[in-house]
Protein backbone atom coordinates (compact mmCIF):
# COMPACT_ATOMS: atom_id res chain seq x y z
CA MET A 1 110.51 188.92 155.44
CA THR A 2 110.81 190.91 158.68
CA LYS A 3 108.58 193.95 159.17
CA THR A 4 110.68 195.94 161.63
CA ILE A 5 112.09 199.17 160.20
CA ILE A 6 115.80 199.51 160.87
CA GLU A 7 118.03 202.46 160.08
CA PRO A 8 120.37 201.50 157.19
CA PHE A 9 123.36 203.01 159.00
CA ARG A 10 125.27 202.81 162.28
CA ILE A 11 125.51 205.78 164.64
CA LYS A 12 129.07 207.03 165.02
CA SER A 13 128.56 210.31 166.85
CA VAL A 14 125.76 211.50 169.13
CA GLU A 15 124.42 214.91 170.13
CA PRO A 16 122.75 215.26 173.54
CA ILE A 17 119.20 216.66 173.72
CA ARG A 18 117.81 218.39 176.80
CA TRP A 19 114.60 217.65 178.65
CA THR A 20 112.52 220.60 179.85
CA THR A 21 109.58 220.75 182.23
CA ARG A 22 106.14 221.85 181.12
CA GLN A 23 106.49 225.01 183.22
CA GLU A 24 109.73 225.84 181.43
CA ARG A 25 108.06 225.25 178.07
CA GLU A 26 105.13 227.49 179.00
CA ASN A 27 107.56 230.32 179.83
CA LEU A 28 109.62 229.70 176.70
CA LEU A 29 106.56 229.65 174.45
CA ARG A 30 105.25 232.87 175.95
CA ALA A 31 108.66 234.54 175.45
CA ALA A 32 108.63 233.36 171.82
CA HIS A 33 105.19 234.95 171.29
CA TYR A 34 103.74 231.50 170.43
CA ASN A 35 105.88 231.31 167.29
CA LEU A 36 108.03 228.18 167.34
CA PHE A 37 110.54 229.75 164.93
CA LEU A 38 111.51 232.07 167.80
CA LEU A 39 112.34 229.28 170.26
CA PRO A 40 115.99 228.55 171.11
CA ALA A 41 116.84 225.19 169.52
CA ALA A 42 118.46 224.04 172.78
CA ASP A 43 115.01 224.10 174.39
CA VAL A 44 113.48 221.72 171.83
CA LEU A 45 113.53 217.98 172.53
CA ILE A 46 112.59 216.65 169.08
CA ASP A 47 112.93 219.24 166.34
CA LEU A 48 110.63 218.68 163.36
CA LEU A 49 110.41 222.32 162.32
CA THR A 50 112.05 221.47 159.00
CA ASP A 51 114.01 218.80 157.17
CA SER A 52 116.01 221.56 155.46
CA GLY A 53 119.68 221.40 156.40
CA THR A 54 118.94 219.48 159.59
CA GLY A 55 120.03 216.03 158.46
CA ALA A 56 123.10 214.02 159.46
CA MET A 57 125.91 213.73 156.93
CA SER A 58 127.56 210.41 156.13
CA THR A 59 131.17 209.35 156.63
CA HIS A 60 131.64 209.71 152.86
CA GLN A 61 130.42 213.31 153.00
CA TRP A 62 132.69 214.15 155.94
CA ALA A 63 135.60 212.57 154.08
CA ALA A 64 134.77 214.62 150.98
CA ILE A 65 134.74 217.80 153.08
CA MET A 66 138.48 217.26 153.71
CA GLU A 67 138.99 217.47 149.93
CA GLY A 68 137.36 220.91 149.78
CA ASP A 69 139.19 223.31 147.48
CA GLU A 70 138.64 226.80 148.85
CA SER A 71 140.03 228.61 145.80
CA TYR A 72 137.98 231.70 144.99
CA ALA A 73 137.81 230.88 141.26
CA GLY A 74 138.14 227.64 139.34
CA SER A 75 137.83 225.36 142.38
CA LYS A 76 138.20 221.60 141.81
CA SER A 77 135.32 221.20 144.26
CA PHE A 78 133.04 223.05 141.85
CA ASP A 79 134.02 220.66 139.05
CA ARG A 80 133.03 217.66 141.19
CA PHE A 81 129.83 219.42 142.28
CA ARG A 82 128.82 220.26 138.70
CA GLN A 83 129.60 216.73 137.51
CA SER A 84 127.36 215.20 140.20
CA VAL A 85 124.49 217.62 139.46
CA GLN A 86 124.67 217.08 135.70
CA ASP A 87 124.85 213.30 136.15
CA ILE A 88 121.38 213.38 137.74
CA PHE A 89 119.67 216.49 136.39
CA GLY A 90 121.23 216.67 132.93
CA TYR A 91 121.03 220.46 132.46
CA ARG A 92 123.84 222.29 130.69
CA HIS A 93 124.33 225.18 133.09
CA VAL A 94 124.74 224.67 136.86
CA ILE A 95 124.83 227.76 139.06
CA PRO A 96 125.63 227.19 142.77
CA THR A 97 123.82 229.22 145.44
CA HIS A 98 123.93 229.30 149.22
CA GLN A 99 120.46 227.72 149.42
CA GLY A 100 117.26 227.17 147.45
CA ARG A 101 115.62 230.55 148.00
CA ALA A 102 118.67 232.27 146.52
CA ALA A 103 118.18 230.20 143.36
CA GLU A 104 114.50 231.20 143.35
CA ARG A 105 115.33 234.87 143.77
CA ILE A 106 117.77 234.81 140.86
CA LEU A 107 115.41 232.83 138.62
CA PHE A 108 112.36 235.01 139.19
CA SER A 109 114.35 238.26 139.13
CA VAL A 110 115.62 237.36 135.65
CA MET A 111 112.49 235.73 134.18
CA CYS A 112 109.59 237.61 135.79
CA LYS A 113 108.23 241.12 136.02
CA LYS A 114 105.06 242.85 137.16
CA GLY A 115 101.97 241.41 135.47
CA TYR A 116 103.49 237.98 134.83
CA VAL A 117 101.85 234.79 136.13
CA VAL A 118 103.74 231.74 137.44
CA PRO A 119 101.74 228.49 137.71
CA ASN A 120 102.87 225.73 140.08
CA ASN A 121 101.25 222.63 141.48
CA THR A 122 101.69 224.42 144.82
CA HIS A 123 104.17 227.18 145.60
CA PHE A 124 105.98 226.82 148.89
CA ASP A 125 106.52 229.87 151.10
CA THR A 126 109.83 231.18 149.74
CA THR A 127 108.84 230.38 146.16
CA ARG A 128 105.61 232.34 146.42
CA ALA A 129 107.37 235.22 148.19
CA ASN A 130 110.07 235.50 145.52
CA VAL A 131 107.48 235.44 142.74
CA GLU A 132 105.41 238.13 144.42
CA PHE A 133 108.44 240.23 145.34
CA VAL A 134 109.07 241.00 141.65
CA GLY A 135 105.39 241.83 141.09
CA ALA A 136 104.31 238.59 139.45
CA GLU A 137 101.35 236.44 140.48
CA ALA A 138 101.85 232.95 141.95
CA VAL A 139 99.02 230.58 140.97
CA ASP A 140 98.52 227.14 142.55
CA LEU A 141 97.04 224.46 140.30
CA MET A 142 97.00 221.32 142.43
CA ILE A 143 94.54 218.61 141.42
CA PRO A 144 91.23 218.64 143.38
CA GLU A 145 92.15 215.39 145.16
CA GLY A 146 95.14 217.15 146.70
CA LYS A 147 92.87 219.56 148.53
CA GLN A 148 91.08 216.77 150.43
CA PRO A 149 93.42 215.73 153.26
CA SER A 150 91.78 212.42 154.15
CA LEU A 151 91.40 211.20 150.55
CA LEU A 152 93.68 208.37 149.45
CA HIS A 153 95.32 208.98 146.06
CA PRO A 154 98.78 207.84 144.93
CA PHE A 155 99.83 211.18 143.41
CA LYS A 156 98.02 214.00 145.20
CA GLY A 157 100.88 216.35 144.34
CA ASN A 158 99.98 216.38 140.63
CA MET A 159 99.26 219.57 138.74
CA ASP A 160 95.76 220.02 137.29
CA VAL A 161 96.66 219.91 133.59
CA ALA A 162 93.26 221.12 132.41
CA ALA A 163 93.48 224.09 134.78
CA LEU A 164 96.95 224.89 133.40
CA GLU A 165 95.61 224.91 129.85
CA GLN A 166 92.71 227.14 130.89
CA LEU A 167 95.08 229.56 132.65
CA ILE A 168 97.25 229.84 129.53
CA LEU A 169 94.16 230.59 127.44
CA ARG A 170 92.87 233.12 129.95
CA VAL A 171 96.02 235.17 130.57
CA GLY A 172 97.96 234.44 127.37
CA ARG A 173 101.19 232.50 127.04
CA GLU A 174 103.21 235.74 126.75
CA ARG A 175 102.40 236.51 130.42
CA ILE A 176 103.64 233.12 131.66
CA PRO A 177 107.46 233.13 131.70
CA LEU A 178 107.69 229.61 133.12
CA VAL A 179 105.70 226.81 134.72
CA MET A 180 106.99 225.14 137.90
CA LEU A 181 106.44 221.68 139.33
CA THR A 182 107.36 221.12 142.97
CA VAL A 183 108.52 217.54 143.62
CA THR A 184 107.40 216.38 146.09
CA ASN A 185 104.57 218.87 146.66
CA ASN A 186 105.57 220.28 150.06
CA SER A 187 102.63 222.60 150.74
CA GLY A 188 100.26 219.90 149.55
CA GLY A 189 101.31 217.44 152.23
CA GLY A 190 104.60 216.17 150.84
CA GLN A 191 102.69 214.34 148.13
CA PRO A 192 104.45 213.04 144.99
CA VAL A 193 103.99 213.98 141.35
CA SER A 194 103.61 211.12 138.88
CA MET A 195 105.74 210.68 135.78
CA GLU A 196 102.54 210.67 133.76
CA ASN A 197 101.66 214.10 135.14
CA ILE A 198 105.18 215.40 134.50
CA ARG A 199 104.89 214.28 130.88
CA GLN A 200 101.47 215.90 130.46
CA VAL A 201 102.59 219.22 131.97
CA SER A 202 105.73 219.14 129.81
CA ALA A 203 103.65 218.54 126.68
CA VAL A 204 101.42 221.54 127.45
CA CYS A 205 104.48 223.72 128.11
CA ARG A 206 106.21 222.71 124.91
CA ALA A 207 103.07 223.17 122.84
CA ASN A 208 102.87 226.74 124.17
CA ARG A 209 106.65 227.39 124.13
CA ILE A 210 106.76 227.93 127.89
CA PRO A 211 109.78 226.64 129.85
CA LEU A 212 109.13 224.02 132.55
CA TYR A 213 111.17 224.25 135.74
CA PHE A 214 111.26 221.89 138.69
CA ASP A 215 111.43 222.87 142.32
CA ALA A 216 113.55 219.77 142.90
CA CYS A 217 114.14 219.89 146.67
CA ARG A 218 112.84 216.36 147.30
CA PHE A 219 113.41 214.83 143.87
CA ALA A 220 114.80 211.54 145.22
CA GLU A 221 111.77 210.88 147.40
CA ASN A 222 109.51 211.69 144.45
CA ALA A 223 111.48 209.25 142.28
CA TYR A 224 110.99 206.49 144.85
CA PHE A 225 107.23 207.10 144.97
CA ILE A 226 107.15 206.79 141.18
CA LYS A 227 109.06 203.50 141.43
CA THR A 228 106.61 202.05 143.95
CA ARG A 229 103.37 203.49 142.54
CA GLU A 230 103.76 203.57 138.73
CA LYS A 231 104.07 200.09 137.26
CA GLU A 232 106.07 201.31 134.27
CA PHE A 233 108.98 202.16 136.56
CA GLU A 234 108.99 199.32 139.10
CA ALA A 235 112.18 197.84 137.59
CA ASN A 236 114.00 201.18 137.33
CA SER A 237 116.43 202.54 139.91
CA PRO A 238 115.55 205.83 141.65
CA LYS A 239 118.45 207.46 139.80
CA GLN A 240 117.14 206.36 136.42
CA ILE A 241 113.70 207.66 137.33
CA ALA A 242 115.13 211.02 138.44
CA GLN A 243 117.04 211.35 135.18
CA GLU A 244 113.85 210.61 133.26
CA MET A 245 111.91 213.23 135.26
CA PHE A 246 114.32 216.03 134.53
CA ARG A 247 114.47 215.27 130.79
CA TYR A 248 110.96 216.73 130.57
CA GLY A 249 112.07 220.11 131.97
CA ASP A 250 114.19 223.07 130.96
CA GLY A 251 115.77 223.79 134.33
CA CYS A 252 115.32 223.62 138.08
CA THR A 253 115.88 225.25 141.42
CA MET A 254 117.19 223.11 144.24
CA SER A 255 117.75 223.38 147.94
CA ALA A 256 120.54 220.88 148.59
CA LYS A 257 119.56 221.05 152.26
CA LYS A 258 116.83 218.49 151.50
CA ASP A 259 117.63 215.68 149.06
CA GLY A 260 121.15 217.01 148.67
CA MET A 261 121.70 215.61 152.20
CA ALA A 262 123.80 218.67 153.14
CA ASN A 263 123.52 221.31 155.83
CA ILE A 264 123.70 224.26 153.42
CA GLY A 265 123.65 224.93 149.69
CA GLY A 266 121.57 224.88 146.55
CA PHE A 267 121.73 225.48 142.83
CA LEU A 268 119.93 226.79 139.77
CA CYS A 269 120.05 224.91 136.48
CA THR A 270 119.02 225.85 132.96
CA ASN A 271 119.56 224.78 129.36
CA ASP A 272 119.22 228.36 128.10
CA GLU A 273 122.57 230.02 127.35
CA ILE A 274 121.27 233.59 127.49
CA LEU A 275 119.36 233.04 130.72
CA ALA A 276 122.39 231.35 132.27
CA GLN A 277 124.53 234.41 131.55
CA GLN A 278 121.95 236.79 133.01
CA GLU A 279 121.57 234.59 136.09
CA THR A 280 125.34 234.34 136.51
CA ASN A 281 125.65 238.12 136.36
CA LEU A 282 123.13 238.44 139.19
CA LEU A 283 124.86 235.64 141.10
CA ILE A 284 128.15 237.55 141.02
CA LEU A 285 126.41 240.66 142.31
CA THR A 286 124.68 239.01 145.27
CA GLU A 287 126.05 235.51 145.96
CA GLY A 288 129.62 235.15 144.79
CA TYR A 289 131.80 233.96 141.93
CA PRO A 290 130.18 231.35 139.63
CA THR A 291 132.40 228.51 140.86
CA TYR A 292 131.41 228.87 144.49
CA GLY A 293 128.13 230.85 144.57
CA GLY A 294 128.22 231.72 148.26
CA LEU A 295 129.40 228.27 149.37
CA ALA A 296 132.66 226.99 150.75
CA GLY A 297 134.40 224.37 148.64
CA ARG A 298 133.81 221.80 151.38
CA ASP A 299 130.04 222.38 151.09
CA LEU A 300 130.19 221.81 147.34
CA GLU A 301 131.93 218.50 148.06
CA ALA A 302 129.30 217.45 150.61
CA ILE A 303 126.50 218.17 148.15
CA ALA A 304 128.23 216.29 145.33
CA VAL A 305 128.28 213.15 147.48
CA GLY A 306 124.90 213.73 149.14
CA LEU A 307 122.95 213.99 145.88
CA GLN A 308 124.09 210.50 144.96
CA GLU A 309 123.45 209.08 148.44
CA ALA A 310 119.89 210.42 148.40
CA LEU A 311 119.14 208.10 145.48
CA GLU A 312 120.32 204.90 147.19
CA GLU A 313 117.38 202.52 147.27
CA ASP A 314 118.04 201.10 150.75
CA TYR A 315 118.07 204.62 152.18
CA LEU A 316 114.88 205.65 150.35
CA ARG A 317 113.04 202.49 151.41
CA TYR A 318 113.88 203.26 155.05
CA ARG A 319 113.10 206.95 154.65
CA ILE A 320 109.62 206.47 153.22
CA ALA A 321 108.74 203.58 155.55
CA SER A 322 109.82 205.38 158.72
CA THR A 323 107.79 208.47 157.82
CA ALA A 324 104.75 206.31 157.11
CA TYR A 325 105.27 204.54 160.46
CA LEU A 326 104.58 207.82 162.28
CA GLY A 327 101.59 208.68 160.11
CA ASP A 328 100.00 205.25 160.29
CA HIS A 329 100.31 205.04 164.07
CA ILE A 330 98.71 208.39 164.85
CA ALA A 331 96.02 207.89 162.19
CA ALA A 332 95.13 204.58 163.83
CA GLU A 333 94.30 206.58 166.99
CA GLY A 334 91.95 208.86 165.05
CA VAL A 335 94.34 211.77 164.42
CA PRO A 336 93.40 213.36 161.06
CA ILE A 337 96.40 213.54 158.70
CA VAL A 338 97.01 214.13 155.02
CA GLN A 339 96.69 210.70 153.46
CA PRO A 340 98.64 208.84 152.31
CA PRO A 341 101.73 209.79 154.37
CA GLY A 342 104.26 211.89 152.47
CA GLY A 343 107.95 211.26 152.01
CA HIS A 344 109.64 213.81 154.23
CA ALA A 345 106.89 214.69 156.69
CA ILE A 346 103.56 213.91 158.24
CA TYR A 347 100.96 216.64 157.96
CA ILE A 348 98.24 216.84 160.61
CA ASP A 349 94.97 218.37 159.38
CA ALA A 350 94.58 221.13 161.97
CA ARG A 351 91.11 222.17 160.78
CA ALA A 352 89.82 218.64 161.38
CA PHE A 353 91.83 218.29 164.61
CA LEU A 354 90.50 221.59 166.02
CA PRO A 355 87.15 222.26 164.30
CA HIS A 356 86.21 224.74 167.03
CA ILE A 357 89.03 227.13 165.99
CA PRO A 358 88.26 229.09 162.79
CA ALA A 359 90.97 229.61 160.19
CA ASP A 360 91.44 233.29 161.12
CA ARG A 361 92.41 232.17 164.63
CA PHE A 362 95.25 229.99 163.31
CA PRO A 363 94.38 226.42 164.27
CA GLY A 364 97.69 225.14 162.88
CA VAL A 365 99.73 227.49 165.05
CA ALA A 366 97.61 226.62 168.09
CA LEU A 367 98.15 222.89 167.53
CA ALA A 368 101.88 223.30 166.96
CA ALA A 369 102.15 225.27 170.21
CA GLU A 370 100.30 222.55 172.11
CA LEU A 371 102.61 219.82 170.77
CA TYR A 372 105.56 221.80 172.13
CA LEU A 373 103.90 222.31 175.50
CA GLU A 374 102.99 218.64 175.80
CA GLY A 375 106.26 217.04 174.76
CA GLY A 376 108.89 219.54 173.61
CA ILE A 377 108.20 218.83 169.94
CA ARG A 378 108.75 221.62 167.42
CA SER A 379 106.74 221.49 164.20
CA VAL A 380 105.56 224.13 161.72
CA GLU A 381 102.20 225.47 160.60
CA ILE A 382 101.50 225.39 156.87
CA GLY A 383 98.26 227.27 156.52
CA THR A 384 96.65 230.60 157.26
CA LEU A 385 99.64 232.16 159.02
CA MET A 386 102.08 231.07 156.33
CA PHE A 387 99.94 231.79 153.26
CA GLY A 388 97.18 234.13 154.44
CA ALA A 389 94.08 234.13 152.24
CA ALA A 390 95.77 231.80 149.74
CA ALA A 391 95.74 228.93 152.26
CA LYS A 392 93.48 226.07 151.15
CA MET A 393 94.22 224.00 154.25
CA ASP A 394 95.61 224.47 157.76
CA LEU A 395 98.24 221.81 158.32
CA VAL A 396 100.88 221.11 160.94
CA ARG A 397 103.96 219.62 159.33
CA LEU A 398 106.17 217.20 161.24
CA ALA A 399 109.25 217.26 159.01
CA ILE A 400 111.64 214.37 159.66
CA PRO A 401 115.35 215.27 159.43
CA ARG A 402 117.33 212.74 157.41
CA ARG A 403 119.31 210.11 159.34
CA VAL A 404 118.82 211.88 162.69
CA TYR A 405 116.08 210.23 164.79
CA THR A 406 115.51 206.57 165.57
CA GLN A 407 112.31 204.54 165.83
CA SER A 408 112.14 205.11 169.60
CA HIS A 409 112.05 208.86 168.99
CA VAL A 410 109.13 208.28 166.63
CA ASP A 411 107.33 206.14 169.22
CA TYR A 412 107.67 209.04 171.66
CA LEU A 413 106.20 211.39 169.03
CA VAL A 414 103.20 209.11 168.65
CA GLU A 415 102.57 209.17 172.41
CA VAL A 416 102.71 212.98 172.59
CA ILE A 417 100.47 213.54 169.57
CA VAL A 418 97.87 211.07 170.83
CA GLU A 419 97.86 212.73 174.25
CA VAL A 420 97.20 216.14 172.63
CA TRP A 421 94.44 214.55 170.53
CA LYS A 422 92.74 213.40 173.74
CA HIS A 423 92.50 216.92 175.18
CA ARG A 424 92.05 218.82 171.91
CA ARG A 425 88.89 220.58 173.08
CA ARG A 426 90.96 222.61 175.57
CA ILE A 427 93.16 224.16 172.89
CA GLN A 428 92.43 227.83 172.18
CA GLY A 429 92.88 229.96 169.09
CA LEU A 430 95.42 232.75 168.68
CA GLU A 431 95.49 236.30 167.40
CA LEU A 432 98.24 238.04 165.47
CA ILE A 433 99.92 241.01 167.16
CA TYR A 434 102.87 241.50 164.75
CA GLU A 435 103.55 240.51 161.14
CA ALA A 436 106.24 241.32 158.57
CA PRO A 437 105.29 242.25 154.97
CA PHE A 438 106.83 239.06 153.50
CA LEU A 439 107.11 235.54 154.91
CA ARG A 440 105.38 236.69 158.05
CA HIS A 441 105.36 233.26 159.70
CA PHE A 442 109.11 233.42 160.35
CA THR A 443 108.88 236.39 162.70
CA ALA A 444 105.16 236.74 163.54
CA GLN A 445 104.09 237.32 167.12
CA LEU A 446 100.84 235.92 168.47
CA GLN A 447 98.97 235.61 171.73
CA PRO A 448 96.14 233.41 173.01
CA LEU A 449 92.66 234.79 172.45
CA SER A 450 91.86 234.27 176.11
CA SER A 451 94.36 237.01 176.98
CA THR A 452 92.00 239.63 175.51
CA GLY A 453 88.38 240.48 176.12
CA ALA A 454 87.47 239.60 172.53
CA GLY A 455 89.26 236.31 172.91
CA ARG A 456 87.38 235.42 176.09
CA GLU A 457 84.08 236.22 174.43
CA ARG A 458 84.93 234.01 171.43
CA GLU A 459 86.07 231.15 173.67
CA GLN A 460 82.76 231.24 175.53
CA LYS A 461 80.92 230.79 172.24
CA ILE A 462 82.92 227.72 171.21
CA ASP A 463 82.98 225.92 174.53
CA GLU A 464 82.48 222.15 174.29
CA PRO A 465 82.17 221.76 170.50
CA ALA A 466 80.75 218.62 168.97
CA LEU A 467 83.55 216.16 168.26
CA PRO A 468 84.11 214.90 164.70
CA ARG A 469 83.47 211.23 164.07
């Protein structure tokens, strides 16, 4: 059997990307206040900021777009969308939204209030923000192995079931409106959740009469990890595994911009009739009529096709292997990453990469900035800037858009990352000069410590740190 990874598709249309000089990138980064979210996309060579909505759609999706029914109410496109969602997820009520965070906002607005507690294996940024916006507390219960980046474990995304049981005892089940499982665990390094863990969490929830919801953004990748890492499911198709996963839950939120293979869209599902009506009422107020939910009919069509394509085994084999190719190659050069490589992204351990930069000086942001300066690569920090004091790790996520980049692009990424690794001691920390009250990482402004007196003093103290072995 050959070992070379090939893309299981042919390229039919291309989009030019623009080279910039280092001097241009220095000026652009300064103008963006060292926040890569604020960079113009045209000035990014390889954009790994997110895999959300940045993928390439297939010929079947583009063909389906031409069938889009743009009727305000009762669209045929909604019927096809709902049928595709229910085929995989199995929930009775399907509520379309313009993207995942809209589904989260509706869910938590209806189910949560001040004083409530929402457990998750790990909340991602918008999930945590929407929980906290209504006055509830977001609690992360990832297993201890998931907090050790270099440790090898097949399912580091799992929820700590004992910790969940202890939390329920401590705060009381009446204060927990729902439990969430994020598959795959994005903030925990894109790590999968096992079927065994899903069953255990579901059993605890049902014993305590607490609904279990999935954050299902990357459900197909999680299903493939289960197929390849849990012997019970090695003969099952990814679709069969996904259907089994969702049988243990009561509903889900979904950003179709990930494993929906679309550029926009999402949905909220539930089996609860009363909740569905309350959620639909809020949808009408803020998103749109229940048969379009803020989306064009053509987008509903693209999602209906994309959800099924995301479960194709040839695609998933390529997807997981190509992501691991990047992780394995930089790890072989000594670059510290979250192990094993995740499904949609590689996560560099910024604290291990830059041990001379303390967490309050944003090592993840500093590393992400240096990757842009070195090679025009845009990534994202998942750590102290994104989560503040709740951050357990400082990671730099290299999120791989679906069906966009080839192996030669990845080889270039490896070269840039390794070059930054070689001169890591020269990288300086940053200080925050502006932050918003919620989701501050999207609009934060920073500056190098060396641009202030305090920064220069700190840099003198950390000059020439001992290198990690």
